[in-house]
């Protein structure tokens, strides 16, 4: 079921569409003309997506592939 029309009626300005099987993230922005794809990301990218672009998100966290802390893999 596509929830974007309900989000638009509620005044939601941004939506993130996640597909864990395809390992993709689509960032959408709503305007008077409808929803616009702002960016598409996938795999193990580091993402700064609207409206949270001040925060860098490692997509591996979303796919359950939590990266090791720096230096934890050995010398």
PDB file of N, CA and C in Angstrom:
ATOM      1  N   UNK A   1       0.836  -1.188   0.000  1.00  0.00           N
ATOM      2  CA  UNK A   1       0.000   0.000   0.000  1.00  0.00           C
ATOM      3  C   UNK A   1       0.877   1.247   0.000  1.00  0.00           C
ATOM      4  N   UNK A   2       0.575   2.169  -0.860  1.00  0.00           N
ATOM      5  CA  UNK A   2       1.330   3.409  -0.959  1.00  0.00           C
ATOM      6  C   UNK A   2       0.775   4.417   0.048  1.00  0.00           C
ATOM      7  N   UNK A   3       1.596   4.800   1.005  1.00  0.00           N
ATOM      8  CA  UNK A   3       1.169   5.715   2.064  1.00  0.00           C
ATOM      9  C   UNK A   3       1.458   7.178   1.736  1.00  0.00           C
ATOM     10  N   UNK A   4       2.114   7.460   0.618  1.00  0.00           N
ATOM     11  CA  UNK A   4       2.498   8.832   0.310  1.00  0.00           C
ATOM     12  C   UNK A   4       1.302   9.783   0.219  1.00  0.00           C
ATOM     13  N   UNK A   5       0.164   9.387  -0.374  1.00  0.00           N
ATOM     14  CA  UNK A   5      -0.979  10.318  -0.380  1.00  0.00           C
ATOM     15  C   UNK A   5      -1.453  10.676   1.041  1.00  0.00           C
ATOM     16  N   UNK A   6      -1.448   9.714   1.943  1.00  0.00           N
ATOM     17  CA  UNK A   6      -1.842   9.989   3.330  1.00  0.00           C
ATOM     18  C   UNK A   6      -0.832  10.914   3.994  1.00  0.00           C
ATOM     19  N   UNK A   7       0.452  10.707   3.725  1.00  0.00           N
ATOM     20  CA  UNK A   7       1.474  11.590   4.283  1.00  0.00           C
ATOM     21  C   UNK A   7       1.286  13.015   3.770  1.00  0.00           C
ATOM     22  N   UNK A   8       0.984  13.164   2.483  1.00  0.00           N
ATOM     23  CA  UNK A   8       0.781  14.495   1.900  1.00  0.00           C
ATOM     24  C   UNK A   8      -0.412  15.186   2.559  1.00  0.00           C
ATOM     25  N   UNK A   9      -1.512  14.448   2.742  1.00  0.00           N
ATOM     26  CA  UNK A   9      -2.692  15.033   3.404  1.00  0.00           C
ATOM     27  C   UNK A   9      -2.371  15.478   4.827  1.00  0.00           C
ATOM     28  N   UNK A  10      -1.461  14.772   5.484  1.00  0.00           N
ATOM     29  CA  UNK A  10      -1.086  15.100   6.860  1.00  0.00           C
ATOM     30  C   UNK A  10      -0.040  16.209   6.934  1.00  0.00           C
ATOM     31  N   UNK A  11       0.452  16.663   5.781  1.00  0.00           N
ATOM     32  CA  UNK A  11       1.420  17.750   5.764  1.00  0.00           C
ATOM     33  C   UNK A  11       2.865  17.318   5.904  1.00  0.00           C
ATOM     34  N   UNK A  12       3.138  16.028   5.736  1.00  0.00           N
ATOM     35  CA  UNK A  12       4.518  15.526   5.820  1.00  0.00           C
ATOM     36  C   UNK A  12       5.299  16.072   4.622  1.00  0.00           C
ATOM     37  N   UNK A  13       6.470  16.630   4.879  1.00  0.00           N
ATOM     38  CA  UNK A  13       7.259  17.265   3.823  1.00  0.00           C
ATOM     39  C   UNK A  13       8.318  16.354   3.215  1.00  0.00           C
ATOM     40  N   UNK A  14       8.762  15.342   3.948  1.00  0.00           N
ATOM     41  CA  UNK A  14       9.802  14.435   3.466  1.00  0.00           C
ATOM     42  C   UNK A  14       9.409  13.000   3.774  1.00  0.00           C
ATOM     43  N   UNK A  15       9.877  12.099   2.937  1.00  0.00           N
ATOM     44  CA  UNK A  15       9.662  10.670   3.179  1.00  0.00           C
ATOM     45  C   UNK A  15      10.911   9.919   2.750  1.00  0.00           C
ATOM     46  N   UNK A  16      11.247   8.913   3.523  1.00  0.00           N
ATOM     47  CA  UNK A  16      12.342   8.015   3.169  1.00  0.00           C
ATOM     48  C   UNK A  16      11.725   6.654   2.878  1.00  0.00           C
ATOM     49  N   UNK A  17      11.993   6.127   1.709  1.00  0.00           N
ATOM     50  CA  UNK A  17      11.501   4.808   1.332  1.00  0.00           C
ATOM     51  C   UNK A  17      12.667   3.836   1.381  1.00  0.00           C
ATOM     52  N   UNK A  18      12.559   2.845   2.246  1.00  0.00           N
ATOM     53  CA  UNK A  18      13.614   1.844   2.423  1.00  0.00           C
ATOM     54  C   UNK A  18      13.193   0.525   1.789  1.00  0.00           C
ATOM     55  N   UNK A  19      14.123  -0.104   1.095  1.00  0.00           N
ATOM     56  CA  UNK A  19      13.910  -1.453   0.584  1.00  0.00           C
ATOM     57  C   UNK A  19      15.080  -2.294   1.079  1.00  0.00           C
ATOM     58  N   UNK A  20      14.900  -3.009   2.194  1.00  0.00           N
ATOM     59  CA  UNK A  20      16.022  -3.769   2.754  1.00  0.00           C
ATOM     60  C   UNK A  20      16.484  -4.917   1.872  1.00  0.00           C
ATOM     61  N   UNK A  21      15.584  -5.471   1.057  1.00  0.00           N
ATOM     62  CA  UNK A  21      16.012  -6.555   0.162  1.00  0.00           C
ATOM     63  C   UNK A  21      16.930  -6.026  -0.939  1.00  0.00           C
ATOM     64  N   UNK A  22      16.569  -4.879  -1.506  1.00  0.00           N
ATOM     65  CA  UNK A  22      17.401  -4.266  -2.547  1.00  0.00           C
ATOM     66  C   UNK A  22      18.505  -3.405  -1.950  1.00  0.00           C
ATOM     67  N   UNK A  23      18.440  -3.168  -0.628  1.00  0.00           N
ATOM     68  CA  UNK A  23      19.400  -2.336   0.086  1.00  0.00           C
ATOM     69  C   UNK A  23      19.455  -0.928  -0.501  1.00  0.00           C
ATOM     70  N   UNK A  24      18.262  -0.319  -0.629  1.00  0.00           N
ATOM     71  CA  UNK A  24      18.176   1.032  -1.185  1.00  0.00           C
ATOM     72  C   UNK A  24      17.397   1.951  -0.252  1.00  0.00           C
ATOM     73  N   UNK A  25      17.727   3.224  -0.342  1.00  0.00           N
ATOM     74  CA  UNK A  25      17.038   4.294   0.371  1.00  0.00           C
ATOM     75  C   UNK A  25      16.729   5.380  -0.645  1.00  0.00           C
ATOM     76  N   UNK A  26      15.452   5.737  -0.762  1.00  0.00           N
ATOM     77  CA  UNK A  26      15.041   6.846  -1.622  1.00  0.00           C
ATOM     78  C   UNK A  26      14.540   7.964  -0.725  1.00  0.00           C
ATOM     79  N   UNK A  27      15.019   9.174  -0.967  1.00  0.00           N
ATOM     80  CA  UNK A  27      14.636  10.356  -0.200  1.00  0.00           C
ATOM     81  C   UNK A  27      13.715  11.190  -1.082  1.00  0.00           C
ATOM     82  N   UNK A  28      12.503  11.447  -0.584  1.00  0.00           N
ATOM     83  CA  UNK A  28      11.524  12.222  -1.335  1.00  0.00           C
ATOM     84  C   UNK A  28      11.161  13.502  -0.601  1.00  0.00           C
ATOM     85  N   UNK A  29      10.823  14.523  -1.376  1.00  0.00           N
ATOM     86  CA  UNK A  29      10.377  15.808  -0.841  1.00  0.00           C
ATOM     87  C   UNK A  29       9.034  16.138  -1.482  1.00  0.00           C
ATOM     88  N   UNK A  30       8.099  16.628  -0.673  1.00  0.00           N
ATOM     89  CA  UNK A  30       6.775  16.985  -1.195  1.00  0.00           C
ATOM     90  C   UNK A  30       6.693  18.476  -1.471  1.00  0.00           C
ATOM     91  N   UNK A  31       6.138  18.805  -2.631  1.00  0.00           N
ATOM     92  CA  UNK A  31       5.872  20.192  -2.988  1.00  0.00           C
ATOM     93  C   UNK A  31       4.419  20.278  -3.457  1.00  0.00           C
ATOM     94  N   UNK A  32       4.008  21.432  -3.941  1.00  0.00           N
ATOM     95  CA  UNK A  32       2.642  21.594  -4.451  1.00  0.00           C
ATOM     96  C   UNK A  32       2.382  20.701  -5.666  1.00  0.00           C
ATOM     97  N   UNK A  33       3.439  20.311  -6.374  1.00  0.00           N
ATOM     98  CA  UNK A  33       3.298  19.467  -7.552  1.00  0.00           C
ATOM     99  C   UNK A  33       3.306  17.977  -7.218  1.00  0.00           C
ATOM    100  N   UNK A  34       3.587  17.633  -5.978  1.00  0.00           N
ATOM    101  CA  UNK A  34       3.615  16.227  -5.569  1.00  0.00           C
ATOM    102  C   UNK A  34       4.971  15.838  -5.012  1.00  0.00           C
ATOM    103  N   UNK A  35       5.233  14.549  -4.990  1.00  0.00           N
ATOM    104  CA  UNK A  35       6.477  14.019  -4.436  1.00  0.00           C
ATOM    105  C   UNK A  35       7.570  14.024  -5.493  1.00  0.00           C
ATOM    106  N   UNK A  36       8.775  14.440  -5.094  1.00  0.00           N
ATOM    107  CA  UNK A  36       9.943  14.468  -5.977  1.00  0.00           C
ATOM    108  C   UNK A  36      11.051  13.649  -5.344  1.00  0.00           C
ATOM    109  N   UNK A  37      11.663  12.794  -6.137  1.00  0.00           N
ATOM    110  CA  UNK A  37      12.815  12.030  -5.676  1.00  0.00           C
ATOM    111  C   UNK A  37      14.003  12.978  -5.584  1.00  0.00           C
ATOM    112  N   UNK A  38      14.520  13.156  -4.382  1.00  0.00           N
ATOM    113  CA  UNK A  38      15.653  14.056  -4.147  1.00  0.00           C
ATOM    114  C   UNK A  38      16.965  13.302  -4.318  1.00  0.00           C
ATOM    115  N   UNK A  39      17.006  12.056  -3.820  1.00  0.00           N
ATOM    116  CA  UNK A  39      18.233  11.268  -3.884  1.00  0.00           C
ATOM    117  C   UNK A  39      17.895   9.791  -3.745  1.00  0.00           C
ATOM    118  N   UNK A  40      18.758   8.975  -4.321  1.00  0.00           N
ATOM    119  CA  UNK A  40      18.649   7.523  -4.175  1.00  0.00           C
ATOM    120  C   UNK A  40      20.014   7.006  -3.748  1.00  0.00           C
ATOM    121  N   UNK A  41      20.023   6.164  -2.735  1.00  0.00           N
ATOM    122  CA  UNK A  41      21.260   5.636  -2.173  1.00  0.00           C
ATOM    123  C   UNK A  41      21.129   4.128  -2.028  1.00  0.00           C
ATOM    124  N   UNK A  42      22.261   3.470  -1.884  1.00  0.00           N
ATOM    125  CA  UNK A  42      22.191   2.036  -1.679  1.00  0.00           C
ATOM    126  C   UNK A  42      23.500   1.463  -1.168  1.00  0.00           C
ATOM    127  N   UNK A  43      23.435   0.160  -0.858  1.00  0.00           N
ATOM    128  CA  UNK A  43      24.619  -0.559  -0.419  1.00  0.00           C
ATOM    129  C   UNK A  43      25.159  -0.064   0.891  1.00  0.00           C
ATOM    130  N   UNK A  44      26.456   0.261   0.896  1.00  0.00           N
ATOM    131  CA  UNK A  44      27.117   0.672   2.134  1.00  0.00           C
ATOM    132  C   UNK A  44      27.488   2.154   2.125  1.00  0.00           C
ATOM    133  N   UNK A  45      26.692   2.951   1.434  1.00  0.00           N
ATOM    134  CA  UNK A  45      26.958   4.391   1.345  1.00  0.00           C
ATOM    135  C   UNK A  45      26.821   5.078   2.698  1.00  0.00           C
ATOM    136  N   UNK A  46      27.511   6.198   2.816  1.00  0.00           N
ATOM    137  CA  UNK A  46      27.309   7.135   3.909  1.00  0.00           C
ATOM    138  C   UNK A  46      26.395   8.219   3.353  1.00  0.00           C
ATOM    139  N   UNK A  47      25.275   8.479   4.037  1.00  0.00           N
ATOM    140  CA  UNK A  47      24.212   9.316   3.491  1.00  0.00           C
ATOM    141  C   UNK A  47      23.948  10.505   4.404  1.00  0.00           C
ATOM    142  N   UNK A  48      23.692  11.643   3.777  1.00  0.00           N
ATOM    143  CA  UNK A  48      23.174  12.829   4.465  1.00  0.00           C
ATOM    144  C   UNK A  48      21.885  13.189   3.732  1.00  0.00           C
ATOM    145  N   UNK A  49      20.773  12.649   4.224  1.00  0.00           N
ATOM    146  CA  UNK A  49      19.500  12.796   3.530  1.00  0.00           C
ATOM    147  C   UNK A  49      18.599  13.838   4.160  1.00  0.00           C
ATOM    148  N   UNK A  50      17.914  14.605   3.289  1.00  0.00           N
ATOM    149  CA  UNK A  50      16.938  15.594   3.758  1.00  0.00           C
ATOM    150  C   UNK A  50      15.887  14.912   4.613  1.00  0.00           C
ATOM    151  N   UNK A  51      15.388  15.519   5.622  1.00  0.00           N
ATOM    152  CA  UNK A  51      15.753  16.800   6.211  1.00  0.00           C
ATOM    153  C   UNK A  51      16.788  16.653   7.316  1.00  0.00           C
ATOM    154  N   UNK A  52      17.428  15.495   7.389  1.00  0.00           N
ATOM    155  CA  UNK A  52      18.405  15.216   8.447  1.00  0.00           C
ATOM    156  C   UNK A  52      19.836  15.268   7.915  1.00  0.00           C
ATOM    157  N   UNK A  53      20.094  16.164   6.971  1.00  0.00           N
ATOM    158  CA  UNK A  53      21.391  16.197   6.301  1.00  0.00           C
ATOM    159  C   UNK A  53      22.534  16.677   7.186  1.00  0.00           C
ATOM    160  N   UNK A  54      22.256  17.089   8.406  1.00  0.00           N
ATOM    161  CA  UNK A  54      23.321  17.444   9.342  1.00  0.00           C
ATOM    162  C   UNK A  54      23.939  16.195   9.966  1.00  0.00           C
ATOM    163  N   UNK A  55      23.274  15.051   9.797  1.00  0.00           N
ATOM    164  CA  UNK A  55      23.725  13.801  10.392  1.00  0.00           C
ATOM    165  C   UNK A  55      24.094  12.819   9.282  1.00  0.00           C
ATOM    166  N   UNK A  56      25.276  12.232   9.390  1.00  0.00           N
ATOM    167  CA  UNK A  56      25.705  11.222   8.416  1.00  0.00           C
ATOM    168  C   UNK A  56      25.224   9.851   8.882  1.00  0.00           C
ATOM    169  N   UNK A  57      24.573   9.129   7.991  1.00  0.00           N
ATOM    170  CA  UNK A  57      24.021   7.817   8.293  1.00  0.00           C
ATOM    171  C   UNK A  57      24.737   6.758   7.465  1.00  0.00           C
ATOM    172  N   UNK A  58      25.287   5.771   8.128  1.00  0.00           N
ATOM    173  CA  UNK A  58      25.919   4.640   7.460  1.00  0.00           C
ATOM    174  C   UNK A  58      24.819   3.623   7.157  1.00  0.00           C
ATOM    175  N   UNK A  59      24.508   3.408   5.884  1.00  0.00           N
ATOM    176  CA  UNK A  59      23.412   2.519   5.512  1.00  0.00           C
ATOM    177  C   UNK A  59      23.593   1.092   6.016  1.00  0.00           C
ATOM    178  N   UNK A  60      24.815   0.690   6.307  1.00  0.00           N
ATOM    179  CA  UNK A  60      25.026  -0.669   6.811  1.00  0.00           C
ATOM    180  C   UNK A  60      24.247  -0.912   8.104  1.00  0.00           C
ATOM    181  N   UNK A  61      24.011   0.146   8.893  1.00  0.00           N
ATOM    182  CA  UNK A  61      23.203  -0.006  10.106  1.00  0.00           C
ATOM    183  C   UNK A  61      21.778  -0.422   9.759  1.00  0.00           C
ATOM    184  N   UNK A  62      21.231   0.135   8.686  1.00  0.00           N
ATOM    185  CA  UNK A  62      19.869  -0.197   8.282  1.00  0.00           C
ATOM    186  C   UNK A  62      19.744  -1.631   7.790  1.00  0.00           C
ATOM    187  N   UNK A  63      20.817  -2.166   7.220  1.00  0.00           N
ATOM    188  CA  UNK A  63      20.776  -3.528   6.674  1.00  0.00           C
ATOM    189  C   UNK A  63      21.237  -4.564   7.705  1.00  0.00           C
ATOM    190  N   UNK A  64      21.501  -4.113   8.936  1.00  0.00           N
ATOM    191  CA  UNK A  64      21.919  -5.039   9.976  1.00  0.00           C
ATOM    192  C   UNK A  64      23.381  -5.424   9.887  1.00  0.00           C
ATOM    193  N   UNK A  65      24.164  -4.622   9.181  1.00  0.00           N
ATOM    194  CA  UNK A  65      25.603  -4.878   9.022  1.00  0.00           C
ATOM    195  C   UNK A  65      26.376  -3.805   9.770  1.00  0.00           C
ATOM    196  N   UNK A  66      26.293  -3.842  11.074  1.00  0.00           N
ATOM    197  CA  UNK A  66      26.910  -2.796  11.887  1.00  0.00           C
ATOM    198  C   UNK A  66      28.424  -2.835  11.682  1.00  0.00           C
ATOM    199  N   UNK A  67      29.005  -1.718  11.229  1.00  0.00           N
ATOM    200  CA  UNK A  67      30.456  -1.680  10.989  1.00  0.00           C
ATOM    201  C   UNK A  67      31.231  -1.742  12.294  1.00  0.00           C
ATOM    202  N   UNK A  68      32.439  -2.262  12.206  1.00  0.00           N
ATOM    203  CA  UNK A  68      33.336  -2.308  13.359  1.00  0.00           C
ATOM    204  C   UNK A  68      33.850  -0.921  13.672  1.00  0.00           C
ATOM    205  N   UNK A  69      34.103  -0.638  14.937  1.00  0.00           N
ATOM    206  CA  UNK A  69      34.718   0.667  15.274  1.00  0.00           C
ATOM    207  C   UNK A  69      36.094   0.769  14.617  1.00  0.00           C
ATOM    208  N   UNK A  70      36.524   1.981  14.350  1.00  0.00           N
ATOM    209  CA  UNK A  70      37.826   2.203  13.717  1.00  0.00           C
ATOM    210  C   UNK A  70      38.933   1.497  14.500  1.00  0.00           C
ATOM    211  N   UNK A  71      39.752   0.749  13.793  1.00  0.00           N
ATOM    212  CA  UNK A  71      40.889   0.080  14.413  1.00  0.00           C
ATOM    213  C   UNK A  71      40.555  -1.274  15.019  1.00  0.00           C
ATOM    214  N   UNK A  72      39.295  -1.678  15.018  1.00  0.00           N
ATOM    215  CA  UNK A  72      38.929  -2.946  15.654  1.00  0.00           C
ATOM    216  C   UNK A  72      39.231  -4.157  14.787  1.00  0.00           C
ATOM    217  N   UNK A  73      39.563  -3.929  13.531  1.00  0.00           N
ATOM    218  CA  UNK A  73      39.849  -5.046  12.629  1.00  0.00           C
ATOM    219  C   UNK A  73      41.301  -5.523  12.720  1.00  0.00           C
ATOM    220  N   UNK A  74      42.058  -4.926  13.574  1.00  0.00           N
ATOM    221  CA  UNK A  74      43.460  -5.338  13.727  1.00  0.00           C
ATOM    222  C   UNK A  74      44.408  -4.307  13.181  1.00  0.00           C
ATOM    223  N   UNK A  75      45.706  -4.669  13.133  1.00  0.00           N
ATOM    224  CA  UNK A  75      46.717  -3.690  12.716  1.00  0.00           C
ATOM    225  C   UNK A  75      46.631  -3.299  11.270  1.00  0.00           C
TER     226      UNK A  75
END
